[in-house]
Amino acid sequence: MPKTILHARPVPQRTCVGCGTVRPKREMVRVIRTPEGSVVADPTGKMSGRGAYLCREASCWKAGLAKGRLERALKTPVSRADLDALSDFASSLGLVVATA
């Protein structure tokens, strides 16, 4: 009788653009640049587009949105309307993020 060896699947890791911490992909929020050029949050992680990840912490969202780190990671400018929508999404997660 042959022995079967089970291999554990590696957990995907991603780097937060706000703080630079490497964490499991499931613990982070994906933000994407859509093919149309807008920037939106992708809570499912399955939308098409260039993605960047942020921790579920207010300090990471503030750094990512305010310091231009998200723009650099997505290689596109983020409009004021997109920043407001991302701030609203962060507040729905229970985070307090104010964009200037």
PDB file of N, CA and C in Angstrom:
ATOM      1  N   MET A   1       0.833  -1.171   0.000  1.00  0.00           N
ATOM      2  CA  MET A   1       0.000   0.000   0.000  1.00  0.00           C
ATOM      3  C   MET A   1       0.891   1.252   0.000  1.00  0.00           C
ATOM      4  N   PRO A   2       0.767   2.127  -1.036  1.00  0.00           N
ATOM      5  CA  PRO A   2       1.626   3.314  -1.105  1.00  0.00           C
ATOM      6  C   PRO A   2       1.228   4.355  -0.058  1.00  0.00           C
ATOM      7  N   LYS A   3       2.227   5.018   0.445  1.00  0.00           N
ATOM      8  CA  LYS A   3       1.988   6.082   1.416  1.00  0.00           C
ATOM      9  C   LYS A   3       1.760   7.384   0.659  1.00  0.00           C
ATOM     10  N   THR A   4       0.788   8.143   1.086  1.00  0.00           N
ATOM     11  CA  THR A   4       0.551   9.448   0.477  1.00  0.00           C
ATOM     12  C   THR A   4       1.100  10.526   1.398  1.00  0.00           C
ATOM     13  N   ILE A   5       1.772  11.448   0.792  1.00  0.00           N
ATOM     14  CA  ILE A   5       2.350  12.558   1.550  1.00  0.00           C
ATOM     15  C   ILE A   5       1.538  13.808   1.249  1.00  0.00           C
ATOM     16  N   LEU A   6       1.024  14.433   2.277  1.00  0.00           N
ATOM     17  CA  LEU A   6       0.265  15.660   2.116  1.00  0.00           C
ATOM     18  C   LEU A   6       1.179  16.853   2.354  1.00  0.00           C
ATOM     19  N   HIS A   7       1.151  17.760   1.424  1.00  0.00           N
ATOM     20  CA  HIS A   7       1.955  18.975   1.550  1.00  0.00           C
ATOM     21  C   HIS A   7       1.025  20.137   1.876  1.00  0.00           C
ATOM     22  N   ALA A   8       1.395  20.907   2.848  1.00  0.00           N
ATOM     23  CA  ALA A   8       0.620  22.096   3.201  1.00  0.00           C
ATOM     24  C   ALA A   8       0.868  23.170   2.152  1.00  0.00           C
ATOM     25  N   ARG A   9      -0.204  23.804   1.739  1.00  0.00           N
ATOM     26  CA  ARG A   9      -0.078  24.887   0.765  1.00  0.00           C
ATOM     27  C   ARG A   9       0.524  26.108   1.452  1.00  0.00           C
ATOM     28  N   PRO A  10       1.441  26.773   0.791  1.00  0.00           N
ATOM     29  CA  PRO A  10       2.005  27.977   1.406  1.00  0.00           C
ATOM     30  C   PRO A  10       0.953  29.089   1.478  1.00  0.00           C
ATOM     31  N   VAL A  11       0.997  29.860   2.536  1.00  0.00           N
ATOM     32  CA  VAL A  11       0.072  30.981   2.709  1.00  0.00           C
ATOM     33  C   VAL A  11       0.622  32.168   1.931  1.00  0.00           C
ATOM     34  N   PRO A  12      -0.170  32.745   0.992  1.00  0.00           N
ATOM     35  CA  PRO A  12       0.319  33.898   0.235  1.00  0.00           C
ATOM     36  C   PRO A  12       0.608  35.081   1.156  1.00  0.00           C
ATOM     37  N   GLN A  13       1.739  35.716   0.959  1.00  0.00           N
ATOM     38  CA  GLN A  13       2.153  36.868   1.764  1.00  0.00           C
ATOM     39  C   GLN A  13       2.131  38.119   0.896  1.00  0.00           C
ATOM     40  N   ARG A  14       1.764  39.244   1.467  1.00  0.00           N
ATOM     41  CA  ARG A  14       1.759  40.525   0.765  1.00  0.00           C
ATOM     42  C   ARG A  14       2.358  41.586   1.677  1.00  0.00           C
ATOM     43  N   THR A  15       2.876  42.653   1.056  1.00  0.00           N
ATOM     44  CA  THR A  15       3.489  43.754   1.795  1.00  0.00           C
ATOM     45  C   THR A  15       2.552  44.949   1.808  1.00  0.00           C
ATOM     46  N   CYS A  16       2.356  45.517   2.977  1.00  0.00           N
ATOM     47  CA  CYS A  16       1.509  46.703   3.135  1.00  0.00           C
ATOM     48  C   CYS A  16       2.243  47.921   2.574  1.00  0.00           C
ATOM     49  N   VAL A  17       1.551  48.711   1.739  1.00  0.00           N
ATOM     50  CA  VAL A  17       2.185  49.918   1.206  1.00  0.00           C
ATOM     51  C   VAL A  17       2.227  51.035   2.234  1.00  0.00           C
ATOM     52  N   GLY A  18       1.462  50.902   3.305  1.00  0.00           N
ATOM     53  CA  GLY A  18       1.451  51.922   4.358  1.00  0.00           C
ATOM     54  C   GLY A  18       2.601  51.784   5.327  1.00  0.00           C
ATOM     55  N   CYS A  19       2.844  50.551   5.805  1.00  0.00           N
ATOM     56  CA  CYS A  19       3.862  50.362   6.842  1.00  0.00           C
ATOM     57  C   CYS A  19       5.011  49.448   6.412  1.00  0.00           C
ATOM     58  N   GLY A  20       4.850  48.710   5.332  1.00  0.00           N
ATOM     59  CA  GLY A  20       5.907  47.840   4.848  1.00  0.00           C
ATOM     60  C   GLY A  20       5.959  46.479   5.511  1.00  0.00           C
ATOM     61  N   THR A  21       4.974  46.155   6.342  1.00  0.00           N
ATOM     62  CA  THR A  21       4.931  44.875   7.029  1.00  0.00           C
ATOM     63  C   THR A  21       4.441  43.785   6.075  1.00  0.00           C
ATOM     64  N   VAL A  22       5.063  42.617   6.131  1.00  0.00           N
ATOM     65  CA  VAL A  22       4.625  41.474   5.333  1.00  0.00           C
ATOM     66  C   VAL A  22       3.673  40.652   6.187  1.00  0.00           C
ATOM     67  N   ARG A  23       2.473  40.418   5.655  1.00  0.00           N
ATOM     68  CA  ARG A  23       1.438  39.680   6.381  1.00  0.00           C
ATOM     69  C   ARG A  23       0.731  38.729   5.419  1.00  0.00           C
ATOM     70  N   PRO A  24      -0.028  37.781   5.964  1.00  0.00           N
ATOM     71  CA  PRO A  24      -0.837  36.926   5.087  1.00  0.00           C
ATOM     72  C   PRO A  24      -1.841  37.757   4.286  1.00  0.00           C
ATOM     73  N   LYS A  25      -2.026  37.376   3.048  1.00  0.00           N
ATOM     74  CA  LYS A  25      -2.888  38.111   2.126  1.00  0.00           C
ATOM     75  C   LYS A  25      -4.306  38.295   2.668  1.00  0.00           C
ATOM     76  N   ARG A  26      -4.837  37.301   3.344  1.00  0.00           N
ATOM     77  CA  ARG A  26      -6.207  37.348   3.868  1.00  0.00           C
ATOM     78  C   ARG A  26      -6.395  38.366   4.982  1.00  0.00           C
ATOM     79  N   GLU A  27      -5.321  38.801   5.623  1.00  0.00           N
ATOM     80  CA  GLU A  27      -5.416  39.774   6.713  1.00  0.00           C
ATOM     81  C   GLU A  27      -5.377  41.212   6.206  1.00  0.00           C
ATOM     82  N   MET A  28      -5.230  41.388   4.898  1.00  0.00           N
ATOM     83  CA  MET A  28      -5.060  42.726   4.348  1.00  0.00           C
ATOM     84  C   MET A  28      -6.205  43.078   3.397  1.00  0.00           C
ATOM     85  N   VAL A  29      -6.286  44.351   3.041  1.00  0.00           N
ATOM     86  CA  VAL A  29      -7.296  44.835   2.107  1.00  0.00           C
ATOM     87  C   VAL A  29      -6.594  45.202   0.804  1.00  0.00           C
ATOM     88  N   ARG A  30      -7.130  44.714  -0.295  1.00  0.00           N
ATOM     89  CA  ARG A  30      -6.561  45.015  -1.608  1.00  0.00           C
ATOM     90  C   ARG A  30      -7.222  46.271  -2.163  1.00  0.00           C
ATOM     91  N   VAL A  31      -6.420  47.158  -2.705  1.00  0.00           N
ATOM     92  CA  VAL A  31      -6.889  48.359  -3.382  1.00  0.00           C
ATOM     93  C   VAL A  31      -6.381  48.252  -4.809  1.00  0.00           C
ATOM     94  N   ILE A  32      -7.256  48.490  -5.793  1.00  0.00           N
ATOM     95  CA  ILE A  32      -6.843  48.297  -7.179  1.00  0.00           C
ATOM     96  C   ILE A  32      -7.011  49.552  -8.023  1.00  0.00           C
ATOM     97  N   ARG A  33      -6.230  49.569  -9.099  1.00  0.00           N
ATOM     98  CA  ARG A  33      -6.427  50.540 -10.180  1.00  0.00           C
ATOM     99  C   ARG A  33      -7.183  49.785 -11.256  1.00  0.00           C
ATOM    100  N   THR A  34      -8.405  50.195 -11.523  1.00  0.00           N
ATOM    101  CA  THR A  34      -9.224  49.506 -12.514  1.00  0.00           C
ATOM    102  C   THR A  34      -8.702  49.796 -13.917  1.00  0.00           C
ATOM    103  N   PRO A  35      -9.082  48.980 -14.892  1.00  0.00           N
ATOM    104  CA  PRO A  35      -8.672  49.267 -16.282  1.00  0.00           C
ATOM    105  C   PRO A  35      -9.138  50.636 -16.770  1.00  0.00           C
ATOM    106  N   GLU A  36     -10.205  51.173 -16.160  1.00  0.00           N
ATOM    107  CA  GLU A  36     -10.693  52.506 -16.537  1.00  0.00           C
ATOM    108  C   GLU A  36      -9.882  53.621 -15.908  1.00  0.00           C
ATOM    109  N   GLY A  37      -9.031  53.293 -14.914  1.00  0.00           N
ATOM    110  CA  GLY A  37      -8.170  54.283 -14.289  1.00  0.00           C
ATOM    111  C   GLY A  37      -8.595  54.745 -12.908  1.00  0.00           C
ATOM    112  N   SER A  38      -9.760  54.319 -12.427  1.00  0.00           N
ATOM    113  CA  SER A  38     -10.163  54.716 -11.084  1.00  0.00           C
ATOM    114  C   SER A  38      -9.506  53.796 -10.056  1.00  0.00           C
ATOM    115  N   VAL A  39      -9.494  54.232  -8.809  1.00  0.00           N
ATOM    116  CA  VAL A  39      -8.890  53.469  -7.722  1.00  0.00           C
ATOM    117  C   VAL A  39      -9.989  53.119  -6.732  1.00  0.00           C
ATOM    118  N   VAL A  40     -10.174  51.817  -6.480  1.00  0.00           N
ATOM    119  CA  VAL A  40     -11.242  51.348  -5.600  1.00  0.00           C
ATOM    120  C   VAL A  40     -10.723  50.255  -4.678  1.00  0.00           C
ATOM    121  N   ALA A  41     -11.426  50.048  -3.561  1.00  0.00           N
ATOM    122  CA  ALA A  41     -11.106  48.952  -2.652  1.00  0.00           C
ATOM    123  C   ALA A  41     -11.686  47.667  -3.226  1.00  0.00           C
ATOM    124  N   ASP A  42     -10.979  46.580  -3.048  1.00  0.00           N
ATOM    125  CA  ASP A  42     -11.401  45.271  -3.539  1.00  0.00           C
ATOM    126  C   ASP A  42     -11.448  44.300  -2.363  1.00  0.00           C
ATOM    127  N   PRO A  43     -12.562  44.282  -1.615  1.00  0.00           N
ATOM    128  CA  PRO A  43     -12.621  43.421  -0.435  1.00  0.00           C
ATOM    129  C   PRO A  43     -12.555  41.926  -0.755  1.00  0.00           C
ATOM    130  N   THR A  44     -12.976  41.526  -1.968  1.00  0.00           N
ATOM    131  CA  THR A  44     -12.937  40.110  -2.335  1.00  0.00           C
ATOM    132  C   THR A  44     -11.557  39.684  -2.794  1.00  0.00           C
ATOM    133  N   GLY A  45     -10.755  40.629  -3.295  1.00  0.00           N
ATOM    134  CA  GLY A  45      -9.423  40.307  -3.793  1.00  0.00           C
ATOM    135  C   GLY A  45      -9.434  39.653  -5.151  1.00  0.00           C
ATOM    136  N   LYS A  46     -10.545  39.735  -5.874  1.00  0.00           N
ATOM    137  CA  LYS A  46     -10.663  39.037  -7.153  1.00  0.00           C
ATOM    138  C   LYS A  46     -10.897  39.949  -8.346  1.00  0.00           C
ATOM    139  N   MET A  47     -11.019  41.244  -8.117  1.00  0.00           N
ATOM    140  CA  MET A  47     -11.253  42.152  -9.235  1.00  0.00           C
ATOM    141  C   MET A  47      -9.997  42.271 -10.084  1.00  0.00           C
ATOM    142  N   SER A  48     -10.188  42.534 -11.376  1.00  0.00           N
ATOM    143  CA  SER A  48      -9.030  42.680 -12.249  1.00  0.00           C
ATOM    144  C   SER A  48      -8.481  44.095 -12.138  1.00  0.00           C
ATOM    145  N   GLY A  49      -7.183  44.209 -12.245  1.00  0.00           N
ATOM    146  CA  GLY A  49      -6.521  45.497 -12.153  1.00  0.00           C
ATOM    147  C   GLY A  49      -5.262  45.392 -11.321  1.00  0.00           C
ATOM    148  N   ARG A  50      -4.435  46.409 -11.408  1.00  0.00           N
ATOM    149  CA  ARG A  50      -3.199  46.440 -10.633  1.00  0.00           C
ATOM    150  C   ARG A  50      -3.545  46.647  -9.166  1.00  0.00           C
ATOM    151  N   GLY A  51      -2.987  45.845  -8.290  1.00  0.00           N
ATOM    152  CA  GLY A  51      -3.358  45.898  -6.884  1.00  0.00           C
ATOM    153  C   GLY A  51      -2.239  46.300  -5.953  1.00  0.00           C
ATOM    154  N   ALA A  52      -2.637  46.813  -4.811  1.00  0.00           N
ATOM    155  CA  ALA A  52      -1.736  47.126  -3.703  1.00  0.00           C
ATOM    156  C   ALA A  52      -2.484  46.745  -2.429  1.00  0.00           C
ATOM    157  N   TYR A  53      -1.757  46.474  -1.376  1.00  0.00           N
ATOM    158  CA  TYR A  53      -2.370  45.993  -0.143  1.00  0.00           C
ATOM    159  C   TYR A  53      -2.114  46.930   1.022  1.00  0.00           C
ATOM    160  N   LEU A  54      -3.123  47.045   1.894  1.00  0.00           N
ATOM    161  CA  LEU A  54      -3.024  47.840   3.116  1.00  0.00           C
ATOM    162  C   LEU A  54      -3.490  46.986   4.290  1.00  0.00           C
ATOM    163  N   CYS A  55      -2.801  47.136   5.428  1.00  0.00           N
ATOM    164  CA  CYS A  55      -3.218  46.460   6.660  1.00  0.00           C
ATOM    165  C   CYS A  55      -4.570  47.014   7.093  1.00  0.00           C
ATOM    166  N   ARG A  56      -5.222  46.319   7.968  1.00  0.00           N
ATOM    167  CA  ARG A  56      -6.496  46.795   8.515  1.00  0.00           C
ATOM    168  C   ARG A  56      -6.252  47.647   9.750  1.00  0.00           C
ATOM    169  N   GLU A  57      -5.353  48.624   9.620  1.00  0.00           N
ATOM    170  CA  GLU A  57      -5.021  49.546  10.703  1.00  0.00           C
ATOM    171  C   GLU A  57      -5.108  50.973  10.181  1.00  0.00           C
ATOM    172  N   ALA A  58      -5.614  51.858  11.009  1.00  0.00           N
ATOM    173  CA  ALA A  58      -5.811  53.250  10.593  1.00  0.00           C
ATOM    174  C   ALA A  58      -4.503  53.916  10.193  1.00  0.00           C
ATOM    175  N   SER A  59      -3.421  53.634  10.898  1.00  0.00           N
ATOM    176  CA  SER A  59      -2.150  54.284  10.589  1.00  0.00           C
ATOM    177  C   SER A  59      -1.660  53.901   9.186  1.00  0.00           C
ATOM    178  N   CYS A  60      -1.896  52.682   8.777  1.00  0.00           N
ATOM    179  CA  CYS A  60      -1.486  52.246   7.435  1.00  0.00           C
ATOM    180  C   CYS A  60      -2.322  52.938   6.362  1.00  0.00           C
ATOM    181  N   TRP A  61      -3.624  53.065   6.607  1.00  0.00           N
ATOM    182  CA  TRP A  61      -4.488  53.742   5.642  1.00  0.00           C
ATOM    183  C   TRP A  61      -4.121  55.219   5.539  1.00  0.00           C
ATOM    184  N   LYS A  62      -3.822  55.855   6.677  1.00  0.00           N
ATOM    185  CA  LYS A  62      -3.431  57.269   6.642  1.00  0.00           C
ATOM    186  C   LYS A  62      -2.147  57.450   5.849  1.00  0.00           C
ATOM    187  N   ALA A  63      -1.149  56.610   6.099  1.00  0.00           N
ATOM    188  CA  ALA A  63       0.122  56.718   5.387  1.00  0.00           C
ATOM    189  C   ALA A  63      -0.052  56.392   3.911  1.00  0.00           C
ATOM    190  N   GLY A  64      -0.831  55.391   3.607  1.00  0.00           N
ATOM    191  CA  GLY A  64      -1.030  54.993   2.220  1.00  0.00           C
ATOM    192  C   GLY A  64      -1.766  56.041   1.406  1.00  0.00           C
ATOM    193  N   LEU A  65      -2.762  56.670   2.011  1.00  0.00           N
ATOM    194  CA  LEU A  65      -3.558  57.658   1.290  1.00  0.00           C
ATOM    195  C   LEU A  65      -2.926  59.038   1.285  1.00  0.00           C
ATOM    196  N   ALA A  66      -2.355  59.459   2.403  1.00  0.00           N
ATOM    197  CA  ALA A  66      -1.875  60.834   2.525  1.00  0.00           C
ATOM    198  C   ALA A  66      -0.475  61.035   1.948  1.00  0.00           C
ATOM    199  N   LYS A  67       0.400  60.075   2.098  1.00  0.00           N
ATOM    200  CA  LYS A  67       1.788  60.265   1.698  1.00  0.00           C
ATOM    201  C   LYS A  67       2.086  59.851   0.250  1.00  0.00           C
ATOM    202  N   GLY A  68       1.065  59.476  -0.493  1.00  0.00           N
ATOM    203  CA  GLY A  68       1.264  59.132  -1.888  1.00  0.00           C
ATOM    204  C   GLY A  68       1.828  57.742  -2.135  1.00  0.00           C
ATOM    205  N   ARG A  69       1.889  56.932  -1.107  1.00  0.00           N
ATOM    206  CA  ARG A  69       2.434  55.583  -1.273  1.00  0.00           C
ATOM    207  C   ARG A  69       1.527  54.723  -2.140  1.00  0.00           C
ATOM    208  N   LEU A  70       0.225  54.926  -2.015  1.00  0.00           N
ATOM    209  CA  LEU A  70      -0.717  54.172  -2.828  1.00  0.00           C
ATOM    210  C   LEU A  70      -0.589  54.566  -4.300  1.00  0.00           C
ATOM    211  N   GLU A  71      -0.416  55.854  -4.551  1.00  0.00           N
ATOM    212  CA  GLU A  71      -0.227  56.322  -5.925  1.00  0.00           C
ATOM    213  C   GLU A  71       1.022  55.711  -6.545  1.00  0.00           C
ATOM    214  N   ARG A  72       2.082  55.629  -5.781  1.00  0.00           N
ATOM    215  CA  ARG A  72       3.326  55.061  -6.277  1.00  0.00           C
ATOM    216  C   ARG A  72       3.181  53.561  -6.563  1.00  0.00           C
ATOM    217  N   ALA A  73       2.499  52.853  -5.674  1.00  0.00           N
ATOM    218  CA  ALA A  73       2.323  51.418  -5.845  1.00  0.00           C
ATOM    219  C   ALA A  73       1.412  51.093  -7.033  1.00  0.00           C
ATOM    220  N   LEU A  74       0.388  51.915  -7.232  1.00  0.00           N
ATOM    221  CA  LEU A  74      -0.550  51.670  -8.323  1.00  0.00           C
ATOM    222  C   LEU A  74      -0.128  52.333  -9.628  1.00  0.00           C
ATOM    223  N   LYS A  75       0.908  53.156  -9.559  1.00  0.00           N
ATOM    224  CA  LYS A  75       1.450  53.858 -10.730  1.00  0.00           C
ATOM    225  C   LYS A  75       0.397  54.711 -11.436  1.00  0.00           C
ATOM    226  N   THR A  76      -0.390  55.416 -10.626  1.00  0.00           N
ATOM    227  CA  THR A  76      -1.402  56.325 -11.163  1.00  0.00           C
ATOM    228  C   THR A  76      -1.769  57.354 -10.106  1.00  0.00           C
ATOM    229  N   PRO A  77      -2.131  58.562 -10.508  1.00  0.00           N
ATOM    230  CA  PRO A  77      -2.614  59.522  -9.509  1.00  0.00           C
ATOM    231  C   PRO A  77      -3.993  59.102  -9.007  1.00  0.00           C
ATOM    232  N   VAL A  78      -4.251  59.361  -7.730  1.00  0.00           N
ATOM    233  CA  VAL A  78      -5.539  59.010  -7.122  1.00  0.00           C
ATOM    234  C   VAL A  78      -6.353  60.291  -6.999  1.00  0.00           C
ATOM    235  N   SER A  79      -7.540  60.290  -7.597  1.00  0.00           N
ATOM    236  CA  SER A  79      -8.379  61.488  -7.584  1.00  0.00           C
ATOM    237  C   SER A  79      -8.953  61.732  -6.188  1.00  0.00           C
ATOM    238  N   ARG A  80      -9.426  62.938  -5.977  1.00  0.00           N
ATOM    239  CA  ARG A  80     -10.028  63.311  -4.691  1.00  0.00           C
ATOM    240  C   ARG A  80     -11.249  62.446  -4.404  1.00  0.00           C
ATOM    241  N   ALA A  81     -12.060  62.184  -5.434  1.00  0.00           N
ATOM    242  CA  ALA A  81     -13.256  61.355  -5.254  1.00  0.00           C
ATOM    243  C   ALA A  81     -12.873  59.935  -4.849  1.00  0.00           C
ATOM    244  N   ASP A  82     -11.813  59.398  -5.451  1.00  0.00           N
ATOM    245  CA  ASP A  82     -11.356  58.054  -5.090  1.00  0.00           C
ATOM    246  C   ASP A  82     -10.816  58.025  -3.656  1.00  0.00           C
ATOM    247  N   LEU A  83     -10.094  59.073  -3.253  1.00  0.00           N
ATOM    248  CA  LEU A  83      -9.596  59.155  -1.877  1.00  0.00           C
ATOM    249  C   LEU A  83     -10.746  59.175  -0.875  1.00  0.00           C
ATOM    250  N   ASP A  84     -11.797  59.931  -1.203  1.00  0.00           N
ATOM    251  CA  ASP A  84     -12.960  59.993  -0.317  1.00  0.00           C
ATOM    252  C   ASP A  84     -13.647  58.636  -0.234  1.00  0.00           C
ATOM    253  N   ALA A  85     -13.764  57.951  -1.372  1.00  0.00           N
ATOM    254  CA  ALA A  85     -14.399  56.626  -1.381  1.00  0.00           C
ATOM    255  C   ALA A  85     -13.575  55.622  -0.581  1.00  0.00           C
ATOM    256  N   LEU A  86     -12.247  55.693  -0.686  1.00  0.00           N
ATOM    257  CA  LEU A  86     -11.387  54.801   0.090  1.00  0.00           C
ATOM    258  C   LEU A  86     -11.470  55.110   1.582  1.00  0.00           C
ATOM    259  N   SER A  87     -11.570  56.390   1.928  1.00  0.00           N
ATOM    260  CA  SER A  87     -11.732  56.773   3.331  1.00  0.00           C
ATOM    261  C   SER A  87     -13.057  56.252   3.884  1.00  0.00           C
ATOM    262  N   ASP A  88     -14.110  56.328   3.068  1.00  0.00           N
ATOM    263  CA  ASP A  88     -15.407  55.797   3.486  1.00  0.00           C
ATOM    264  C   ASP A  88     -15.333  54.283   3.678  1.00  0.00           C
ATOM    265  N   PHE A  89     -14.625  53.599   2.779  1.00  0.00           N
ATOM    266  CA  PHE A  89     -14.470  52.153   2.913  1.00  0.00           C
ATOM    267  C   PHE A  89     -13.712  51.818   4.195  1.00  0.00           C
ATOM    268  N   ALA A  90     -12.654  52.581   4.483  1.00  0.00           N
ATOM    269  CA  ALA A  90     -11.874  52.345   5.702  1.00  0.00           C
ATOM    270  C   ALA A  90     -12.742  52.569   6.939  1.00  0.00           C
ATOM    271  N   SER A  91     -13.606  53.582   6.906  1.00  0.00           N
ATOM    272  CA  SER A  91     -14.468  53.811   8.055  1.00  0.00           C
ATOM    273  C   SER A  91     -15.500  52.696   8.214  1.00  0.00           C
ATOM    274  N   SER A  92     -15.873  52.041   7.110  1.00  0.00           N
ATOM    275  CA  SER A  92     -16.792  50.894   7.216  1.00  0.00           C
ATOM    276  C   SER A  92     -16.097  49.697   7.870  1.00  0.00           C
ATOM    277  N   LEU A  93     -14.772  49.683   7.842  1.00  0.00           N
ATOM    278  CA  LEU A  93     -13.996  48.645   8.537  1.00  0.00           C
ATOM    279  C   LEU A  93     -13.802  48.980  10.014  1.00  0.00           C
ATOM    280  N   GLY A  94     -14.248  50.191  10.405  1.00  0.00           N
ATOM    281  CA  GLY A  94     -14.090  50.608  11.795  1.00  0.00           C
ATOM    282  C   GLY A  94     -12.840  51.434  12.015  1.00  0.00           C
ATOM    283  N   LEU A  95     -12.214  51.893  10.939  1.00  0.00           N
ATOM    284  CA  LEU A  95     -11.004  52.694  11.031  1.00  0.00           C
ATOM    285  C   LEU A  95     -11.340  54.154  10.848  1.00  0.00           C
ATOM    286  N   VAL A  96     -10.653  55.027  11.554  1.00  0.00           N
ATOM    287  CA  VAL A  96     -10.855  56.457  11.416  1.00  0.00           C
ATOM    288  C   VAL A  96      -9.722  57.011  10.580  1.00  0.00           C
ATOM    289  N   VAL A  97     -10.052  57.388   9.340  1.00  0.00           N
ATOM    290  CA  VAL A  97      -9.036  57.899   8.409  1.00  0.00           C
ATOM    291  C   VAL A  97      -9.528  59.216   7.870  1.00  0.00           C
ATOM    292  N   ALA A  98      -8.767  60.284   8.068  1.00  0.00           N
ATOM    293  CA  ALA A  98      -9.114  61.591   7.531  1.00  0.00           C
ATOM    294  C   ALA A  98      -8.130  61.951   6.438  1.00  0.00           C
ATOM    295  N   THR A  99      -8.642  62.267   5.257  1.00  0.00           N
ATOM    296  CA  THR A  99      -7.776  62.688   4.163  1.00  0.00           C
ATOM    297  C   THR A  99      -7.803  64.198   4.077  1.00  0.00           C
ATOM    298  N   ALA A 100      -6.644  64.778   3.867  1.00  0.00           N
ATOM    299  CA  ALA A 100      -6.544  66.243   3.801  1.00  0.00           C
ATOM    300  C   ALA A 100      -6.711  66.746   2.405  1.00  0.00           C
TER     301      ALA A 100
END
